[in-house]
Amino acid sequence: MFLSSHEKQLDSKRRLLVPQDFRAAALLPGKELEAFDGVYGFSAVEAECLECGGAAFFERYRALIERHPVGSPTRRALEHKVYGGMQRLNFDTAGRITLPESLCARFGLTADVVMVGLYDRFQVWSPKAYETYAAQQEALARDVFNGPTEESGAGAPRP
């Protein structure tokens, strides 16, 4: 699992040290796909960041694509987004990946980045973009936990 958040720095060659626990999670094989010494990465679907993961991450997107008939506009769009945008980012001997220049430019990934674990994947953000996004997600999560009032009979369970 990819858990927690890490503040890291990119070097001048766009190399990012992936935390040891993230590397260990990435190296686990999927159900049908063997792991490789690195991660799959592409521009996230729902957020303005880079999203990465191991074999299970790749398999999740492959399963989503395969639910649609070959040749359908939806499948073509998903294939273009996922397969066309996906890159294999290999770990070097120090446990770093080199981020694609185009994605660094697109998401403002320069010196400092935030890596956020999301169970089967992790995201790489510029700190400023992540601060804004995290505040939005925090508000949504708070709404879920606060839920409707008990008078309406549909309150969410509280931890």
Protein backbone atom coordinates (compact mmCIF):
# COMPACT_ATOMS: atom_id res chain seq x y z
CA MET A 1 0.00 0.00 0.00
CA PHE A 2 1.04 3.56 -0.62
CA LEU A 3 0.32 5.49 2.57
CA SER A 4 1.25 8.89 4.00
CA SER A 5 2.68 12.02 2.41
CA HIS A 6 6.29 12.94 1.80
CA GLU A 7 7.91 16.24 0.89
CA LYS A 8 10.78 15.63 -1.50
CA GLN A 9 13.02 17.53 -3.88
CA LEU A 10 13.68 17.01 -7.55
CA ASP A 11 17.29 17.35 -8.60
CA SER A 12 18.38 19.24 -11.73
CA LYS A 13 17.81 16.11 -13.84
CA ARG A 14 14.18 15.74 -12.58
CA ARG A 15 15.09 12.71 -10.45
CA LEU A 16 12.88 12.01 -7.46
CA LEU A 17 13.82 9.72 -4.58
CA VAL A 18 10.87 7.40 -4.00
CA PRO A 19 10.45 6.52 -0.30
CA GLN A 20 11.41 2.95 0.58
CA ASP A 21 7.85 1.96 1.57
CA PHE A 22 6.54 3.29 -1.76
CA ARG A 23 9.23 1.33 -3.64
CA ALA A 24 8.31 -1.84 -1.75
CA ALA A 25 4.62 -1.40 -2.63
CA ALA A 26 5.46 -0.73 -6.29
CA LEU A 27 7.48 -3.95 -6.55
CA LEU A 28 4.55 -6.21 -5.64
CA PRO A 29 3.20 -8.22 -8.60
CA GLY A 30 -0.38 -7.79 -9.71
CA LYS A 31 -2.86 -10.59 -10.28
CA GLU A 32 -1.86 -10.94 -13.93
CA LEU A 33 1.12 -8.64 -14.34
CA GLU A 34 4.62 -9.05 -12.99
CA ALA A 35 6.18 -6.06 -11.32
CA PHE A 36 9.27 -4.37 -12.72
CA ASP A 37 11.91 -2.31 -10.95
CA GLY A 38 10.01 0.95 -11.15
CA VAL A 39 6.54 2.45 -11.40
CA TYR A 40 3.99 3.23 -14.07
CA GLY A 41 3.21 6.93 -14.26
CA PHE A 42 0.93 9.26 -16.18
CA SER A 43 -1.09 12.43 -15.73
CA ALA A 44 -3.86 11.79 -13.20
CA VAL A 45 -7.40 11.56 -14.50
CA GLU A 46 -9.12 13.57 -11.76
CA ALA A 47 -6.39 15.95 -10.59
CA GLU A 48 -3.59 18.16 -11.86
CA CYS A 49 -0.69 15.95 -10.86
CA LEU A 50 1.39 12.93 -11.82
CA GLU A 51 -0.02 9.59 -10.69
CA CYS A 52 2.14 6.48 -10.24
CA GLY A 53 1.88 2.93 -9.04
CA GLY A 54 2.93 -0.66 -9.53
CA ALA A 55 1.38 -3.62 -11.31
CA ALA A 56 -1.94 -3.44 -9.40
CA PHE A 57 -2.30 0.22 -10.39
CA PHE A 58 -1.75 -0.63 -14.06
CA GLU A 59 -4.16 -3.57 -13.84
CA ARG A 60 -6.90 -1.37 -12.36
CA TYR A 61 -6.79 0.94 -15.38
CA ARG A 62 -6.52 -1.99 -17.81
CA ALA A 63 -9.67 -3.54 -16.25
CA LEU A 64 -11.50 -0.22 -16.62
CA ILE A 65 -10.56 -0.04 -20.30
CA GLU A 66 -11.53 -3.66 -20.97
CA ARG A 67 -15.07 -3.07 -19.69
CA HIS A 68 -15.75 -1.12 -22.88
CA PRO A 69 -16.15 -2.71 -26.32
CA VAL A 70 -13.20 -2.57 -28.71
CA GLY A 71 -13.62 0.41 -31.00
CA SER A 72 -16.08 2.29 -28.79
CA PRO A 73 -15.40 6.02 -28.37
CA THR A 74 -15.12 5.59 -24.60
CA ARG A 75 -12.57 2.81 -24.91
CA ARG A 76 -10.55 4.79 -27.45
CA ALA A 77 -10.50 7.81 -25.13
CA LEU A 78 -9.42 5.68 -22.16
CA GLU A 79 -6.75 3.89 -24.20
CA HIS A 80 -5.42 7.23 -25.40
CA LYS A 81 -5.36 8.70 -21.89
CA VAL A 82 -3.96 5.66 -20.08
CA TYR A 83 -1.87 3.65 -22.53
CA GLY A 84 -0.85 6.63 -24.63
CA GLY A 85 0.12 8.68 -21.60
CA MET A 86 1.59 5.94 -19.40
CA GLN A 87 5.32 5.71 -18.93
CA ARG A 88 7.49 3.16 -17.17
CA LEU A 89 9.68 5.04 -14.72
CA ASN A 90 12.52 2.76 -13.64
CA PHE A 91 14.24 3.01 -10.28
CA ASP A 92 17.93 3.78 -10.44
CA THR A 93 20.40 2.26 -7.97
CA ALA A 94 19.53 4.99 -5.42
CA GLY A 95 15.75 4.35 -5.67
CA ARG A 96 15.02 7.43 -7.78
CA ILE A 97 12.76 7.81 -10.79
CA THR A 98 13.24 10.44 -13.47
CA LEU A 99 10.05 12.39 -14.07
CA PRO A 100 9.16 13.17 -17.69
CA GLU A 101 10.00 16.75 -18.64
CA SER A 102 6.60 17.32 -20.24
CA LEU A 103 4.73 16.33 -17.07
CA CYS A 104 7.02 18.39 -14.85
CA ALA A 105 6.27 21.44 -17.01
CA ARG A 106 2.53 20.68 -17.14
CA PHE A 107 2.16 20.35 -13.35
CA GLY A 108 4.76 22.86 -12.20
CA LEU A 109 7.00 20.20 -10.67
CA THR A 110 10.27 21.98 -10.05
CA ALA A 111 12.47 21.80 -6.95
CA ASP A 112 9.99 20.81 -4.24
CA VAL A 113 7.23 18.23 -4.62
CA VAL A 114 4.70 16.48 -2.40
CA MET A 115 4.18 12.73 -2.78
CA VAL A 116 0.82 11.49 -1.51
CA GLY A 117 0.06 7.80 -0.98
CA LEU A 118 -3.44 6.71 -2.02
CA TYR A 119 -3.55 2.97 -1.26
CA ASP A 120 -2.81 1.44 -4.71
CA ARG A 121 -1.10 4.51 -6.15
CA PHE A 122 0.66 7.72 -5.25
CA GLN A 123 0.51 11.20 -6.67
CA VAL A 124 3.26 13.76 -7.18
CA TRP A 125 2.19 17.39 -6.77
CA SER A 126 3.64 20.86 -6.72
CA PRO A 127 3.27 22.04 -3.10
CA LYS A 128 1.04 24.99 -4.00
CA ALA A 129 -1.34 22.93 -6.17
CA TYR A 130 -1.50 20.23 -3.52
CA GLU A 131 -2.32 22.72 -0.77
CA THR A 132 -5.36 23.92 -2.73
CA TYR A 133 -6.47 20.40 -3.70
CA ALA A 134 -5.96 19.01 -0.17
CA ALA A 135 -8.12 21.79 1.31
CA GLN A 136 -10.93 20.89 -1.12
CA GLN A 137 -10.63 17.18 -0.31
CA GLU A 138 -10.55 17.90 3.42
CA ALA A 139 -13.82 19.83 3.14
CA LEU A 140 -15.45 17.00 1.17
CA ALA A 141 -14.26 14.39 3.68
CA ARG A 142 -15.51 16.52 6.57
CA ASP A 143 -18.93 16.72 4.92
CA VAL A 144 -19.04 12.93 4.61
CA PHE A 145 -18.21 12.42 8.28
CA ASN A 146 -20.50 15.19 9.46
CA GLY A 147 -23.28 14.00 7.14
CA PRO A 148 -26.87 15.06 7.55
CA THR A 149 -28.06 15.80 11.05
CA GLU A 150 -29.38 12.96 13.16
CA GLU A 151 -32.84 14.50 12.91
CA SER A 152 -32.87 13.61 9.21
CA GLY A 153 -32.03 10.00 10.10
CA ALA A 154 -29.15 9.61 7.62
CA GLY A 155 -26.01 10.55 9.49
CA ALA A 156 -22.71 8.97 8.49
CA PRO A 157 -21.03 6.72 11.04
CA ARG A 158 -18.40 8.52 13.03
CA PRO A 159 -15.00 6.99 13.62
